[in-house]
Amino acid sequence: MAPLTIYYVAVGDNGVSGPAIGCGDSLVATTTAPVRFTDQVGPSIGTLLANKSRDIGQSGLINVLYQSSLTYLGGELTGSTITIWLSGQFMLGGVCDVPRAKAQLEYTAMTASGATSAQVYVNGRPIDEVLSLK
């Protein structure tokens, strides 16, 4: 039993509060109340995807995944890489939400698993392909 670490976006923070991501934003780690789990990845990604609020309380952080209808299907740690599989659809607010959404999913999965890299698949396709604007 332990708190889960979930990542949200600080818009326009330029990497001051956490890792810098696209459009001059930062990724900021938050923690939940303690949760009982055997595999931390599923509950962490599930908590992130279940949050249907754009604004995270009064923190100034945002959740760009709040309108997306994504479901966690599973995850696998191979060496130092966590791979997660999701199903559903992204509903994002613009070009800057692409790196934000990817970072929220990857960092939440990496922290939950102890991995140093992440691969995300949505409906069997790599996240970069799914989120490609081409």
C-alpha atoms as a PDB file:
ATOM      1  CA  MET A   1       0.000   0.000   0.000  1.00  0.00           C
ATOM      2  CA  ALA A   2       1.434   3.352  -1.088  1.00  0.00           C
ATOM      3  CA  PRO A   3       0.520   6.597  -2.833  1.00  0.00           C
ATOM      4  CA  LEU A   4       0.488   6.608  -6.648  1.00  0.00           C
ATOM      5  CA  THR A   5       2.472   9.193  -8.612  1.00  0.00           C
ATOM      6  CA  ILE A   6       0.478  10.854 -11.394  1.00  0.00           C
ATOM      7  CA  TYR A   7       1.895  13.490 -13.757  1.00  0.00           C
ATOM      8  CA  TYR A   8       0.076  16.646 -14.848  1.00  0.00           C
ATOM      9  CA  VAL A   9       1.075  19.669 -16.945  1.00  0.00           C
ATOM     10  CA  ALA A  10       2.227  23.127 -15.798  1.00  0.00           C
ATOM     11  CA  VAL A  11       1.517  25.244 -18.888  1.00  0.00           C
ATOM     12  CA  GLY A  12       4.177  27.825 -19.743  1.00  0.00           C
ATOM     13  CA  ASP A  13       6.439  26.747 -16.857  1.00  0.00           C
ATOM     14  CA  ASN A  14       9.458  26.090 -19.148  1.00  0.00           C
ATOM     15  CA  GLY A  15      10.805  23.146 -17.129  1.00  0.00           C
ATOM     16  CA  VAL A  16      10.949  25.041 -13.805  1.00  0.00           C
ATOM     17  CA  SER A  17       8.687  22.644 -11.864  1.00  0.00           C
ATOM     18  CA  GLY A  18       9.669  19.383 -13.570  1.00  0.00           C
ATOM     19  CA  PRO A  19      10.809  17.886 -16.858  1.00  0.00           C
ATOM     20  CA  ALA A  20      10.382  20.306 -19.787  1.00  0.00           C
ATOM     21  CA  ILE A  21       7.963  19.124 -22.464  1.00  0.00           C
ATOM     22  CA  GLY A  22       6.741  20.637 -25.734  1.00  0.00           C
ATOM     23  CA  CYS A  23       5.343  24.168 -26.011  1.00  0.00           C
ATOM     24  CA  GLY A  24       7.351  25.493 -23.043  1.00  0.00           C
ATOM     25  CA  ASP A  25       5.532  23.425 -20.419  1.00  0.00           C
ATOM     26  CA  SER A  26       6.645  21.296 -17.477  1.00  0.00           C
ATOM     27  CA  LEU A  27       5.510  17.916 -16.246  1.00  0.00           C
ATOM     28  CA  VAL A  28       4.793  17.881 -12.508  1.00  0.00           C
ATOM     29  CA  ALA A  29       4.516  14.802 -10.303  1.00  0.00           C
ATOM     30  CA  THR A  30       1.566  14.624  -7.900  1.00  0.00           C
ATOM     31  CA  THR A  31       0.698  11.873  -5.443  1.00  0.00           C
ATOM     32  CA  THR A  32      -2.607  10.299  -4.497  1.00  0.00           C
ATOM     33  CA  ALA A  33      -3.750   9.056  -1.113  1.00  0.00           C
ATOM     34  CA  PRO A  34      -2.324   5.594  -0.325  1.00  0.00           C
ATOM     35  CA  VAL A  35      -3.747   2.862  -2.552  1.00  0.00           C
ATOM     36  CA  ARG A  36      -3.518  -0.932  -2.227  1.00  0.00           C
ATOM     37  CA  PHE A  37      -2.072  -2.627  -5.322  1.00  0.00           C
ATOM     38  CA  THR A  38       0.035  -5.522  -6.525  1.00  0.00           C
ATOM     39  CA  ASP A  39       1.052  -3.899  -9.839  1.00  0.00           C
ATOM     40  CA  GLN A  40       1.476  -0.133  -9.564  1.00  0.00           C
ATOM     41  CA  VAL A  41       1.319   0.597 -13.321  1.00  0.00           C
ATOM     42  CA  GLY A  42      -2.356  -0.345 -13.819  1.00  0.00           C
ATOM     43  CA  PRO A  43      -3.698   1.695 -10.895  1.00  0.00           C
ATOM     44  CA  SER A  44      -1.483   4.696 -11.776  1.00  0.00           C
ATOM     45  CA  ILE A  45      -2.506   4.835 -15.448  1.00  0.00           C
ATOM     46  CA  GLY A  46      -6.101   4.008 -14.479  1.00  0.00           C
ATOM     47  CA  THR A  47      -6.170   6.920 -12.020  1.00  0.00           C
ATOM     48  CA  LEU A  48      -4.748   9.291 -14.654  1.00  0.00           C
ATOM     49  CA  LEU A  49      -7.297   8.196 -17.281  1.00  0.00           C
ATOM     50  CA  ALA A  50     -10.220   8.245 -14.822  1.00  0.00           C
ATOM     51  CA  ASN A  51      -9.651  11.931 -13.985  1.00  0.00           C
ATOM     52  CA  LYS A  52     -12.213  13.791 -16.121  1.00  0.00           C
ATOM     53  CA  SER A  53     -11.278  17.255 -14.797  1.00  0.00           C
ATOM     54  CA  ARG A  54      -9.084  19.576 -16.844  1.00  0.00           C
ATOM     55  CA  ASP A  55      -7.881  21.539 -13.820  1.00  0.00           C
ATOM     56  CA  ILE A  56      -6.169  19.775 -10.935  1.00  0.00           C
ATOM     57  CA  GLY A  57      -7.738  21.537  -7.962  1.00  0.00           C
ATOM     58  CA  GLN A  58      -6.242  24.986  -7.371  1.00  0.00           C
ATOM     59  CA  SER A  59      -2.727  23.827  -8.292  1.00  0.00           C
ATOM     60  CA  GLY A  60      -2.627  25.492 -11.712  1.00  0.00           C
ATOM     61  CA  LEU A  61      -1.827  22.092 -13.236  1.00  0.00           C
ATOM     62  CA  ILE A  62      -3.911  20.665 -16.063  1.00  0.00           C
ATOM     63  CA  ASN A  63      -4.792  17.193 -17.305  1.00  0.00           C
ATOM     64  CA  VAL A  64      -4.878  17.203 -21.121  1.00  0.00           C
ATOM     65  CA  LEU A  65      -6.320  13.660 -21.136  1.00  0.00           C
ATOM     66  CA  TYR A  66      -9.555  14.671 -19.371  1.00  0.00           C
ATOM     67  CA  GLN A  67     -11.728  14.448 -22.515  1.00  0.00           C
ATOM     68  CA  SER A  68     -10.070  11.315 -23.922  1.00  0.00           C
ATOM     69  CA  SER A  69     -11.841   7.969 -23.715  1.00  0.00           C
ATOM     70  CA  LEU A  70      -8.889   5.682 -23.065  1.00  0.00           C
ATOM     71  CA  THR A  71      -8.779   2.382 -21.177  1.00  0.00           C
ATOM     72  CA  TYR A  72      -5.677   0.682 -19.730  1.00  0.00           C
ATOM     73  CA  LEU A  73      -5.399  -2.873 -21.096  1.00  0.00           C
ATOM     74  CA  GLY A  74      -2.072  -3.957 -19.617  1.00  0.00           C
ATOM     75  CA  GLY A  75       1.608  -3.316 -19.205  1.00  0.00           C
ATOM     76  CA  GLU A  76       4.900  -5.174 -19.346  1.00  0.00           C
ATOM     77  CA  LEU A  77       8.312  -4.254 -17.962  1.00  0.00           C
ATOM     78  CA  THR A  78      11.170  -5.521 -20.143  1.00  0.00           C
ATOM     79  CA  GLY A  79      14.548  -4.497 -18.822  1.00  0.00           C
ATOM     80  CA  SER A  80      14.278  -0.759 -18.154  1.00  0.00           C
ATOM     81  CA  THR A  81      11.395  -0.149 -20.598  1.00  0.00           C
ATOM     82  CA  ILE A  82       7.738  -0.184 -19.607  1.00  0.00           C
ATOM     83  CA  THR A  83       5.295  -0.904 -22.425  1.00  0.00           C
ATOM     84  CA  ILE A  84       1.635  -0.107 -21.863  1.00  0.00           C
ATOM     85  CA  TRP A  85      -1.369  -0.896 -24.027  1.00  0.00           C
ATOM     86  CA  LEU A  86      -4.435   1.319 -24.146  1.00  0.00           C
ATOM     87  CA  SER A  87      -7.643   1.238 -26.141  1.00  0.00           C
ATOM     88  CA  GLY A  88      -9.923   4.108 -27.062  1.00  0.00           C
ATOM     89  CA  GLN A  89      -9.587   7.569 -28.524  1.00  0.00           C
ATOM     90  CA  PHE A  90      -7.688  10.762 -27.746  1.00  0.00           C
ATOM     91  CA  MET A  91      -9.655  14.013 -27.565  1.00  0.00           C
ATOM     92  CA  LEU A  92      -7.049  16.752 -27.361  1.00  0.00           C
ATOM     93  CA  GLY A  93      -7.284  20.531 -27.521  1.00  0.00           C
ATOM     94  CA  GLY A  94      -4.593  21.320 -30.077  1.00  0.00           C
ATOM     95  CA  VAL A  95      -1.033  20.783 -31.252  1.00  0.00           C
ATOM     96  CA  CYS A  96       0.515  21.526 -27.828  1.00  0.00           C
ATOM     97  CA  ASP A  97      -1.599  18.798 -26.201  1.00  0.00           C
ATOM     98  CA  VAL A  98       0.182  16.095 -28.240  1.00  0.00           C
ATOM     99  CA  PRO A  99       3.515  16.213 -26.323  1.00  0.00           C
ATOM    100  CA  ARG A 100       1.605  16.868 -23.085  1.00  0.00           C
ATOM    101  CA  ALA A 101      -0.569  13.752 -23.440  1.00  0.00           C
ATOM    102  CA  LYS A 102       2.376  11.567 -24.423  1.00  0.00           C
ATOM    103  CA  ALA A 103       4.482  12.841 -21.507  1.00  0.00           C
ATOM    104  CA  GLN A 104       1.674  12.388 -18.951  1.00  0.00           C
ATOM    105  CA  LEU A 105       1.252   8.735 -19.969  1.00  0.00           C
ATOM    106  CA  GLU A 106       4.956   7.916 -20.307  1.00  0.00           C
ATOM    107  CA  TYR A 107       6.145   9.547 -17.079  1.00  0.00           C
ATOM    108  CA  THR A 108       3.265   8.109 -15.040  1.00  0.00           C
ATOM    109  CA  ALA A 109       4.062   4.606 -16.379  1.00  0.00           C
ATOM    110  CA  MET A 110       7.837   4.985 -15.896  1.00  0.00           C
ATOM    111  CA  THR A 111       7.503   6.194 -12.304  1.00  0.00           C
ATOM    112  CA  ALA A 112       5.030   3.427 -11.434  1.00  0.00           C
ATOM    113  CA  SER A 113       7.295   0.716 -12.863  1.00  0.00           C
ATOM    114  CA  GLY A 114      10.731   2.122 -12.052  1.00  0.00           C
ATOM    115  CA  ALA A 115      11.561   2.106 -15.786  1.00  0.00           C
ATOM    116  CA  THR A 116      13.731   4.678 -17.551  1.00  0.00           C
ATOM    117  CA  SER A 117      11.825   4.588 -20.859  1.00  0.00           C
ATOM    118  CA  ALA A 118       8.257   3.947 -21.960  1.00  0.00           C
ATOM    119  CA  GLN A 119       6.440   2.734 -25.034  1.00  0.00           C
ATOM    120  CA  VAL A 120       2.715   3.433 -25.316  1.00  0.00           C
ATOM    121  CA  TYR A 121       0.417   1.650 -27.744  1.00  0.00           C
ATOM    122  CA  VAL A 122      -3.154   2.753 -28.434  1.00  0.00           C
ATOM    123  CA  ASN A 123      -5.426   0.315 -30.273  1.00  0.00           C
ATOM    124  CA  GLY A 124      -2.260  -1.645 -31.151  1.00  0.00           C
ATOM    125  CA  ARG A 125      -0.496   1.344 -32.737  1.00  0.00           C
ATOM    126  CA  PRO A 126       2.482   3.330 -31.333  1.00  0.00           C
ATOM    127  CA  ILE A 127       1.382   6.570 -29.624  1.00  0.00           C
ATOM    128  CA  ASP A 128       3.526   8.689 -31.997  1.00  0.00           C
ATOM    129  CA  GLU A 129       1.602   7.258 -34.965  1.00  0.00           C
ATOM    130  CA  VAL A 130      -1.777   7.716 -33.244  1.00  0.00           C
ATOM    131  CA  LEU A 131      -1.009  11.331 -32.287  1.00  0.00           C
ATOM    132  CA  SER A 132       0.674  12.230 -35.585  1.00  0.00           C
ATOM    133  CA  LEU A 133      -0.829  15.343 -37.128  1.00  0.00           C
ATOM    134  CA  LYS A 134       0.077  14.155 -40.644  1.00  0.00           C
END
